[in-house]
N, C-alpha and C. Protein backbone atom coordinates (compact mmCIF):
# COMPACT_ATOMS: atom_id res chain seq x y z
N MET A 1 1.06 26.74 -6.23
CA MET A 1 1.05 26.17 -7.55
C MET A 1 -0.39 25.82 -7.92
N ALA A 2 -0.71 25.96 -9.15
CA ALA A 2 -2.08 25.72 -9.61
C ALA A 2 -2.35 24.24 -9.75
N ARG A 3 -3.61 23.88 -9.75
CA ARG A 3 -4.01 22.49 -9.95
C ARG A 3 -3.72 22.09 -11.38
N MET A 4 -3.72 20.79 -11.62
CA MET A 4 -3.27 20.28 -12.91
C MET A 4 -4.22 20.66 -14.06
N TYR A 5 -5.51 20.50 -13.85
CA TYR A 5 -6.43 20.71 -14.97
C TYR A 5 -7.43 21.84 -14.75
N SER A 6 -7.62 22.30 -13.53
CA SER A 6 -8.68 23.27 -13.30
C SER A 6 -8.19 24.71 -13.33
N ARG A 7 -6.88 24.92 -13.33
CA ARG A 7 -6.27 26.26 -13.36
C ARG A 7 -6.61 27.08 -12.12
N ARG A 8 -6.98 26.41 -11.05
CA ARG A 8 -7.25 27.10 -9.79
C ARG A 8 -6.24 26.65 -8.76
N LYS A 9 -6.04 27.49 -7.78
CA LYS A 9 -5.14 27.11 -6.70
C LYS A 9 -5.93 26.33 -5.67
N GLY A 10 -5.32 25.31 -5.12
CA GLY A 10 -5.98 24.50 -4.12
C GLY A 10 -5.90 25.14 -2.75
N ILE A 11 -6.82 24.76 -1.88
CA ILE A 11 -6.76 25.28 -0.52
C ILE A 11 -5.71 24.48 0.24
N SER A 12 -5.05 25.13 1.15
CA SER A 12 -3.97 24.46 1.86
C SER A 12 -4.55 23.52 2.90
N GLY A 13 -3.82 22.47 3.19
CA GLY A 13 -4.25 21.50 4.19
C GLY A 13 -3.68 21.85 5.55
N SER A 14 -3.90 20.98 6.51
CA SER A 14 -3.38 21.22 7.85
C SER A 14 -1.87 20.98 7.86
N THR A 15 -1.20 21.61 8.78
CA THR A 15 0.24 21.44 8.89
C THR A 15 0.56 20.63 10.13
N LYS A 16 1.59 19.81 10.02
CA LYS A 16 2.02 19.03 11.17
C LYS A 16 2.87 19.92 12.09
N PRO A 17 2.91 19.58 13.35
CA PRO A 17 3.76 20.37 14.27
C PRO A 17 5.23 20.29 13.87
N SER A 18 5.96 21.37 14.11
CA SER A 18 7.36 21.41 13.68
C SER A 18 8.26 20.56 14.57
N VAL A 19 7.88 20.36 15.83
CA VAL A 19 8.70 19.55 16.73
C VAL A 19 8.35 18.08 16.51
N LYS A 20 9.34 17.31 16.09
CA LYS A 20 9.12 15.90 15.78
C LYS A 20 9.67 15.04 16.90
N LYS A 21 8.82 14.72 17.86
CA LYS A 21 9.23 13.83 18.94
C LYS A 21 8.03 12.98 19.35
N LYS A 22 8.32 11.91 20.05
CA LYS A 22 7.27 10.98 20.47
C LYS A 22 6.39 11.66 21.52
N LYS A 23 5.10 11.57 21.34
CA LYS A 23 4.16 12.14 22.29
C LYS A 23 4.14 11.29 23.56
N ALA A 24 3.89 11.92 24.67
CA ALA A 24 3.92 11.21 25.95
C ALA A 24 2.78 10.20 26.08
N TRP A 25 1.68 10.44 25.38
CA TRP A 25 0.50 9.59 25.54
C TRP A 25 0.49 8.39 24.60
N VAL A 26 1.50 8.25 23.75
CA VAL A 26 1.57 7.09 22.85
C VAL A 26 2.12 5.90 23.64
N LYS A 27 1.38 4.78 23.62
CA LYS A 27 1.74 3.61 24.42
C LYS A 27 2.75 2.69 23.74
N TYR A 28 2.93 2.82 22.44
CA TYR A 28 3.72 1.86 21.67
C TYR A 28 5.11 2.38 21.40
N ASP A 29 6.09 1.46 21.39
CA ASP A 29 7.43 1.84 20.98
C ASP A 29 7.63 1.45 19.51
N SER A 30 8.82 1.71 18.97
CA SER A 30 9.02 1.54 17.53
C SER A 30 8.91 0.07 17.10
N LYS A 31 9.40 -0.86 17.89
CA LYS A 31 9.32 -2.29 17.52
C LYS A 31 7.87 -2.75 17.46
N GLU A 32 7.05 -2.32 18.41
CA GLU A 32 5.64 -2.72 18.41
C GLU A 32 4.90 -2.14 17.21
N ILE A 33 5.21 -0.91 16.86
CA ILE A 33 4.56 -0.28 15.71
C ILE A 33 4.97 -0.99 14.43
N GLU A 34 6.24 -1.35 14.30
CA GLU A 34 6.68 -2.06 13.10
C GLU A 34 6.00 -3.41 12.99
N SER A 35 5.84 -4.11 14.11
CA SER A 35 5.14 -5.41 14.05
C SER A 35 3.66 -5.22 13.72
N LEU A 36 3.05 -4.14 14.21
CA LEU A 36 1.65 -3.83 13.85
C LEU A 36 1.53 -3.58 12.35
N ILE A 37 2.48 -2.82 11.79
CA ILE A 37 2.45 -2.52 10.36
C ILE A 37 2.58 -3.80 9.54
N VAL A 38 3.50 -4.69 9.94
CA VAL A 38 3.68 -5.95 9.21
C VAL A 38 2.41 -6.78 9.29
N LYS A 39 1.78 -6.81 10.46
CA LYS A 39 0.54 -7.58 10.62
C LYS A 39 -0.57 -7.01 9.74
N LEU A 40 -0.68 -5.68 9.68
CA LEU A 40 -1.73 -5.05 8.88
C LEU A 40 -1.49 -5.23 7.38
N VAL A 41 -0.21 -5.22 6.96
CA VAL A 41 0.10 -5.45 5.55
C VAL A 41 -0.28 -6.87 5.16
N LYS A 42 0.03 -7.82 6.02
CA LYS A 42 -0.29 -9.22 5.73
C LYS A 42 -1.79 -9.46 5.69
N SER A 43 -2.56 -8.61 6.38
CA SER A 43 -4.02 -8.75 6.33
C SER A 43 -4.62 -8.10 5.08
N GLY A 44 -3.77 -7.44 4.26
CA GLY A 44 -4.23 -6.92 2.97
C GLY A 44 -4.50 -5.44 2.93
N MET A 45 -4.01 -4.67 3.89
CA MET A 45 -4.24 -3.23 3.90
C MET A 45 -3.18 -2.50 3.09
N SER A 46 -3.57 -1.35 2.54
CA SER A 46 -2.62 -0.52 1.83
C SER A 46 -1.93 0.42 2.82
N LYS A 47 -0.94 1.17 2.34
CA LYS A 47 -0.18 2.06 3.22
C LYS A 47 -1.08 3.12 3.85
N SER A 48 -1.95 3.71 3.07
CA SER A 48 -2.81 4.76 3.61
C SER A 48 -3.81 4.19 4.60
N GLU A 49 -4.33 3.00 4.34
CA GLU A 49 -5.25 2.37 5.28
C GLU A 49 -4.54 2.03 6.59
N ILE A 50 -3.28 1.63 6.49
CA ILE A 50 -2.51 1.33 7.69
C ILE A 50 -2.32 2.59 8.52
N GLY A 51 -1.99 3.69 7.87
CA GLY A 51 -1.82 4.95 8.59
C GLY A 51 -3.09 5.39 9.29
N LEU A 52 -4.23 5.24 8.61
CA LEU A 52 -5.50 5.60 9.22
C LEU A 52 -5.83 4.69 10.39
N THR A 53 -5.57 3.39 10.24
CA THR A 53 -5.87 2.44 11.31
C THR A 53 -4.99 2.71 12.53
N LEU A 54 -3.71 2.97 12.30
CA LEU A 54 -2.82 3.27 13.42
C LEU A 54 -3.24 4.55 14.12
N ARG A 55 -3.68 5.53 13.36
CA ARG A 55 -4.11 6.78 13.96
C ARG A 55 -5.40 6.62 14.75
N ASP A 56 -6.39 5.96 14.13
CA ASP A 56 -7.71 5.90 14.73
C ASP A 56 -7.85 4.82 15.80
N SER A 57 -7.31 3.64 15.57
CA SER A 57 -7.51 2.53 16.49
C SER A 57 -6.42 2.42 17.55
N TYR A 58 -5.18 2.73 17.17
CA TYR A 58 -4.08 2.53 18.11
C TYR A 58 -3.55 3.83 18.71
N GLY A 59 -4.03 4.98 18.25
CA GLY A 59 -3.60 6.24 18.83
C GLY A 59 -2.18 6.64 18.50
N VAL A 60 -1.71 6.27 17.31
CA VAL A 60 -0.36 6.63 16.89
C VAL A 60 -0.49 7.81 15.92
N PRO A 61 -0.10 9.03 16.33
CA PRO A 61 -0.32 10.18 15.46
C PRO A 61 0.59 10.19 14.24
N SER A 62 1.84 9.77 14.40
CA SER A 62 2.78 9.77 13.28
C SER A 62 3.77 8.63 13.46
N VAL A 63 3.78 7.73 12.50
CA VAL A 63 4.70 6.59 12.55
C VAL A 63 6.14 7.07 12.41
N LYS A 64 6.35 8.06 11.57
CA LYS A 64 7.70 8.53 11.28
C LYS A 64 8.35 9.18 12.50
N ASP A 65 7.56 9.86 13.32
CA ASP A 65 8.12 10.50 14.51
C ASP A 65 8.61 9.46 15.52
N ILE A 66 7.94 8.32 15.59
CA ILE A 66 8.29 7.32 16.59
C ILE A 66 9.36 6.36 16.07
N THR A 67 9.18 5.86 14.84
CA THR A 67 10.10 4.84 14.33
C THR A 67 11.26 5.43 13.52
N LYS A 68 11.19 6.69 13.18
CA LYS A 68 12.18 7.36 12.32
C LYS A 68 12.19 6.80 10.90
N LYS A 69 11.16 6.01 10.55
CA LYS A 69 11.00 5.48 9.19
C LYS A 69 9.54 5.63 8.79
N SER A 70 9.30 5.78 7.50
CA SER A 70 7.93 5.85 7.02
C SER A 70 7.33 4.45 6.93
N ILE A 71 6.03 4.39 6.76
CA ILE A 71 5.35 3.11 6.61
C ILE A 71 5.88 2.38 5.39
N GLY A 72 6.11 3.11 4.30
CA GLY A 72 6.63 2.51 3.08
C GLY A 72 8.01 1.90 3.27
N LYS A 73 8.88 2.56 4.02
CA LYS A 73 10.22 2.03 4.26
C LYS A 73 10.16 0.77 5.12
N ILE A 74 9.25 0.75 6.09
CA ILE A 74 9.10 -0.44 6.94
C ILE A 74 8.59 -1.61 6.10
N ILE A 75 7.65 -1.34 5.20
CA ILE A 75 7.12 -2.40 4.34
C ILE A 75 8.21 -2.91 3.39
N GLU A 76 9.02 -1.99 2.84
CA GLU A 76 10.12 -2.39 1.96
C GLU A 76 11.15 -3.24 2.69
N LYS A 77 11.45 -2.84 3.93
CA LYS A 77 12.46 -3.56 4.71
C LYS A 77 12.03 -5.01 4.96
N ASN A 78 10.73 -5.22 5.15
CA ASN A 78 10.21 -6.56 5.39
C ASN A 78 9.82 -7.28 4.10
N LYS A 79 10.11 -6.66 2.95
CA LYS A 79 9.86 -7.23 1.62
C LYS A 79 8.40 -7.65 1.44
N LEU A 80 7.49 -6.73 1.76
CA LEU A 80 6.05 -7.00 1.66
C LEU A 80 5.36 -6.03 0.70
N GLU A 81 6.13 -5.27 -0.10
CA GLU A 81 5.50 -4.27 -0.96
C GLU A 81 4.70 -4.94 -2.09
N GLN A 82 3.71 -4.20 -2.56
CA GLN A 82 2.85 -4.69 -3.63
C GLN A 82 3.57 -4.52 -4.96
N GLU A 83 3.09 -5.25 -5.98
CA GLU A 83 3.74 -5.14 -7.28
C GLU A 83 3.43 -3.81 -7.95
N LEU A 84 2.23 -3.25 -7.71
CA LEU A 84 1.87 -1.94 -8.23
C LEU A 84 1.83 -0.94 -7.08
N PRO A 85 2.35 0.27 -7.28
CA PRO A 85 2.23 1.30 -6.25
C PRO A 85 0.75 1.63 -6.00
N GLU A 86 0.47 2.06 -4.77
CA GLU A 86 -0.91 2.27 -4.34
C GLU A 86 -1.63 3.34 -5.15
N ASP A 87 -0.96 4.46 -5.44
CA ASP A 87 -1.62 5.52 -6.18
C ASP A 87 -1.93 5.12 -7.62
N LEU A 88 -1.04 4.34 -8.22
CA LEU A 88 -1.28 3.88 -9.58
C LEU A 88 -2.44 2.89 -9.62
N SER A 89 -2.51 1.98 -8.66
CA SER A 89 -3.62 1.01 -8.65
C SER A 89 -4.95 1.71 -8.38
N ALA A 90 -4.95 2.78 -7.57
CA ALA A 90 -6.18 3.53 -7.33
C ALA A 90 -6.66 4.22 -8.60
N LEU A 91 -5.72 4.78 -9.37
CA LEU A 91 -6.09 5.42 -10.63
C LEU A 91 -6.60 4.40 -11.65
N ILE A 92 -5.99 3.22 -11.66
CA ILE A 92 -6.44 2.18 -12.58
C ILE A 92 -7.84 1.72 -12.21
N MET A 93 -8.12 1.60 -10.91
CA MET A 93 -9.48 1.22 -10.49
C MET A 93 -10.50 2.28 -10.88
N ARG A 94 -10.11 3.56 -10.74
CA ARG A 94 -11.01 4.63 -11.15
C ARG A 94 -11.26 4.58 -12.65
N ASP A 95 -10.21 4.28 -13.43
CA ASP A 95 -10.32 4.17 -14.87
C ASP A 95 -11.30 3.05 -15.25
N ILE A 96 -11.20 1.92 -14.56
CA ILE A 96 -12.10 0.80 -14.82
C ILE A 96 -13.55 1.17 -14.51
N GLN A 97 -13.76 1.89 -13.42
CA GLN A 97 -15.12 2.32 -13.06
C GLN A 97 -15.70 3.27 -14.10
N ILE A 98 -14.88 4.18 -14.60
CA ILE A 98 -15.35 5.12 -15.61
C ILE A 98 -15.68 4.37 -16.91
N ILE A 99 -14.86 3.40 -17.28
CA ILE A 99 -15.12 2.62 -18.49
C ILE A 99 -16.44 1.85 -18.36
N LYS A 100 -16.67 1.25 -17.19
CA LYS A 100 -17.94 0.54 -16.96
C LYS A 100 -19.12 1.49 -17.07
N HIS A 101 -18.96 2.70 -16.52
CA HIS A 101 -20.02 3.70 -16.59
C HIS A 101 -20.30 4.11 -18.03
N LEU A 102 -19.23 4.26 -18.82
CA LEU A 102 -19.41 4.68 -20.21
C LEU A 102 -20.01 3.59 -21.08
N GLU A 103 -19.88 2.33 -20.68
CA GLU A 103 -20.54 1.26 -21.43
C GLU A 103 -22.05 1.40 -21.37
N ASN A 104 -22.57 1.84 -20.23
CA ASN A 104 -24.01 2.02 -20.07
C ASN A 104 -24.48 3.40 -20.51
N ASN A 105 -23.63 4.41 -20.40
CA ASN A 105 -24.00 5.80 -20.70
C ASN A 105 -23.05 6.36 -21.75
N LYS A 106 -23.31 6.01 -23.00
CA LYS A 106 -22.38 6.36 -24.08
C LYS A 106 -22.32 7.86 -24.36
N GLN A 107 -23.37 8.60 -24.01
CA GLN A 107 -23.41 10.02 -24.32
C GLN A 107 -22.87 10.91 -23.20
N ASP A 108 -22.35 10.33 -22.15
CA ASP A 108 -21.86 11.10 -21.02
C ASP A 108 -20.50 11.70 -21.34
N MET A 109 -20.52 12.93 -21.83
CA MET A 109 -19.28 13.58 -22.27
C MET A 109 -18.40 13.99 -21.09
N VAL A 110 -18.99 14.30 -19.96
CA VAL A 110 -18.21 14.66 -18.79
C VAL A 110 -17.39 13.46 -18.32
N ALA A 111 -18.01 12.28 -18.37
CA ALA A 111 -17.29 11.06 -18.00
C ALA A 111 -16.19 10.75 -19.01
N LYS A 112 -16.43 11.04 -20.29
CA LYS A 112 -15.37 10.82 -21.29
C LYS A 112 -14.17 11.71 -21.01
N ARG A 113 -14.44 12.95 -20.64
CA ARG A 113 -13.36 13.87 -20.28
C ARG A 113 -12.63 13.38 -19.03
N GLY A 114 -13.38 12.89 -18.06
CA GLY A 114 -12.77 12.33 -16.86
C GLY A 114 -11.91 11.13 -17.18
N LEU A 115 -12.34 10.32 -18.14
CA LEU A 115 -11.55 9.17 -18.58
C LEU A 115 -10.24 9.62 -19.20
N GLN A 116 -10.29 10.65 -20.04
CA GLN A 116 -9.07 11.17 -20.65
C GLN A 116 -8.10 11.69 -19.60
N LEU A 117 -8.62 12.44 -18.62
CA LEU A 117 -7.76 13.00 -17.58
C LEU A 117 -7.15 11.88 -16.72
N THR A 118 -7.96 10.88 -16.41
CA THR A 118 -7.47 9.78 -15.59
C THR A 118 -6.39 8.99 -16.32
N GLU A 119 -6.60 8.75 -17.60
CA GLU A 119 -5.59 8.00 -18.36
C GLU A 119 -4.30 8.80 -18.51
N SER A 120 -4.40 10.12 -18.63
CA SER A 120 -3.17 10.91 -18.72
C SER A 120 -2.42 10.90 -17.38
N LYS A 121 -3.16 10.89 -16.27
CA LYS A 121 -2.51 10.78 -14.96
C LYS A 121 -1.83 9.42 -14.81
N ILE A 122 -2.50 8.38 -15.29
CA ILE A 122 -1.91 7.03 -15.23
C ILE A 122 -0.62 6.99 -16.04
N ASN A 123 -0.64 7.53 -17.25
CA ASN A 123 0.55 7.51 -18.10
C ASN A 123 1.70 8.32 -17.49
N ARG A 124 1.35 9.45 -16.85
CA ARG A 124 2.38 10.27 -16.22
C ARG A 124 3.01 9.52 -15.04
N LEU A 125 2.17 8.85 -14.25
CA LEU A 125 2.69 8.08 -13.12
C LEU A 125 3.55 6.90 -13.59
N ILE A 126 3.13 6.26 -14.67
CA ILE A 126 3.91 5.14 -15.20
C ILE A 126 5.29 5.63 -15.64
N ARG A 127 5.34 6.78 -16.30
CA ARG A 127 6.63 7.35 -16.70
C ARG A 127 7.51 7.60 -15.48
N TYR A 128 6.91 8.15 -14.42
CA TYR A 128 7.67 8.44 -13.20
C TYR A 128 8.18 7.15 -12.56
N TYR A 129 7.33 6.14 -12.45
CA TYR A 129 7.74 4.90 -11.80
C TYR A 129 8.74 4.12 -12.63
N LYS A 130 8.72 4.25 -13.94
CA LYS A 130 9.75 3.63 -14.75
C LYS A 130 11.08 4.36 -14.56
N LYS A 131 11.02 5.68 -14.43
CA LYS A 131 12.23 6.46 -14.23
C LYS A 131 12.88 6.15 -12.88
N THR A 132 12.04 5.95 -11.85
CA THR A 132 12.57 5.64 -10.51
C THR A 132 12.75 4.14 -10.28
N LYS A 133 12.53 3.35 -11.33
CA LYS A 133 12.73 1.89 -11.31
C LYS A 133 11.83 1.15 -10.33
N LYS A 134 10.64 1.69 -10.09
CA LYS A 134 9.66 0.96 -9.29
C LYS A 134 8.79 0.08 -10.17
N LEU A 135 8.81 0.35 -11.48
CA LEU A 135 8.16 -0.50 -12.47
C LEU A 135 9.21 -0.89 -13.50
N PRO A 136 9.09 -2.09 -14.09
CA PRO A 136 10.03 -2.47 -15.14
C PRO A 136 9.86 -1.60 -16.38
N GLN A 137 10.92 -1.44 -17.15
CA GLN A 137 10.90 -0.57 -18.32
C GLN A 137 9.93 -1.06 -19.39
N ASP A 138 9.66 -2.35 -19.46
CA ASP A 138 8.77 -2.87 -20.49
C ASP A 138 7.32 -2.97 -20.02
N TRP A 139 6.99 -2.43 -18.84
CA TRP A 139 5.63 -2.49 -18.32
C TRP A 139 4.74 -1.55 -19.10
N LYS A 140 3.58 -2.04 -19.54
CA LYS A 140 2.63 -1.22 -20.29
C LYS A 140 1.26 -1.33 -19.65
N TYR A 141 0.49 -0.25 -19.73
CA TYR A 141 -0.87 -0.23 -19.22
C TYR A 141 -1.82 -0.63 -20.34
N ASP A 142 -2.59 -1.68 -20.10
CA ASP A 142 -3.56 -2.16 -21.06
C ASP A 142 -4.92 -2.19 -20.37
N LYS A 143 -5.91 -1.51 -20.97
CA LYS A 143 -7.23 -1.41 -20.34
C LYS A 143 -7.88 -2.78 -20.15
N ASP A 144 -7.67 -3.68 -21.10
CA ASP A 144 -8.31 -5.00 -20.99
C ASP A 144 -7.70 -5.82 -19.87
N LYS A 145 -6.38 -5.75 -19.72
CA LYS A 145 -5.72 -6.52 -18.68
C LYS A 145 -5.80 -5.83 -17.32
N ALA A 146 -6.19 -4.57 -17.31
CA ALA A 146 -6.24 -3.82 -16.04
C ALA A 146 -7.27 -4.38 -15.10
N ARG A 147 -8.36 -4.89 -15.62
CA ARG A 147 -9.39 -5.48 -14.77
C ARG A 147 -8.83 -6.68 -14.01
N LEU A 148 -7.99 -7.46 -14.67
CA LEU A 148 -7.38 -8.62 -14.01
C LEU A 148 -6.27 -8.19 -13.05
N LEU A 149 -5.54 -7.13 -13.42
CA LEU A 149 -4.41 -6.69 -12.65
C LEU A 149 -4.81 -6.14 -11.28
N VAL A 150 -5.86 -5.33 -11.26
CA VAL A 150 -6.27 -4.68 -10.03
C VAL A 150 -7.35 -5.49 -9.32
N GLY A 151 -8.38 -5.88 -10.04
CA GLY A 151 -9.52 -6.55 -9.42
C GLY A 151 -9.28 -7.98 -9.25
């Protein structure tokens, strides 16, 4: 499938092994990994940061293979999820950075185009999250309030 705005096909990423079982060299069982995830969430990490930390510091290649649940499901089960989904908050932060850049560089047309693309991605994600009921139906994105919401 082609990319959203560039009309080019993306290069494929690495593939995970087809056999999904616990590796022999992993020291942690599922209860320990779940408690690690809860501890990392309480320290303020996002889902992707938790996955990277577990992989790099604790040697856990895949949480799902060991616990049979994703990091997001474990966070939901312990009722620790954030009010905004991680991908939406990342796009909002990028939008804020582009707006700050455009305040100083008013003639930067490439940044204006990037702002348009980012805002359309934000609106598309908001529609999706309203449809899946992860955001309330009356939730609206406001650029002025976004600085307070994310930062």
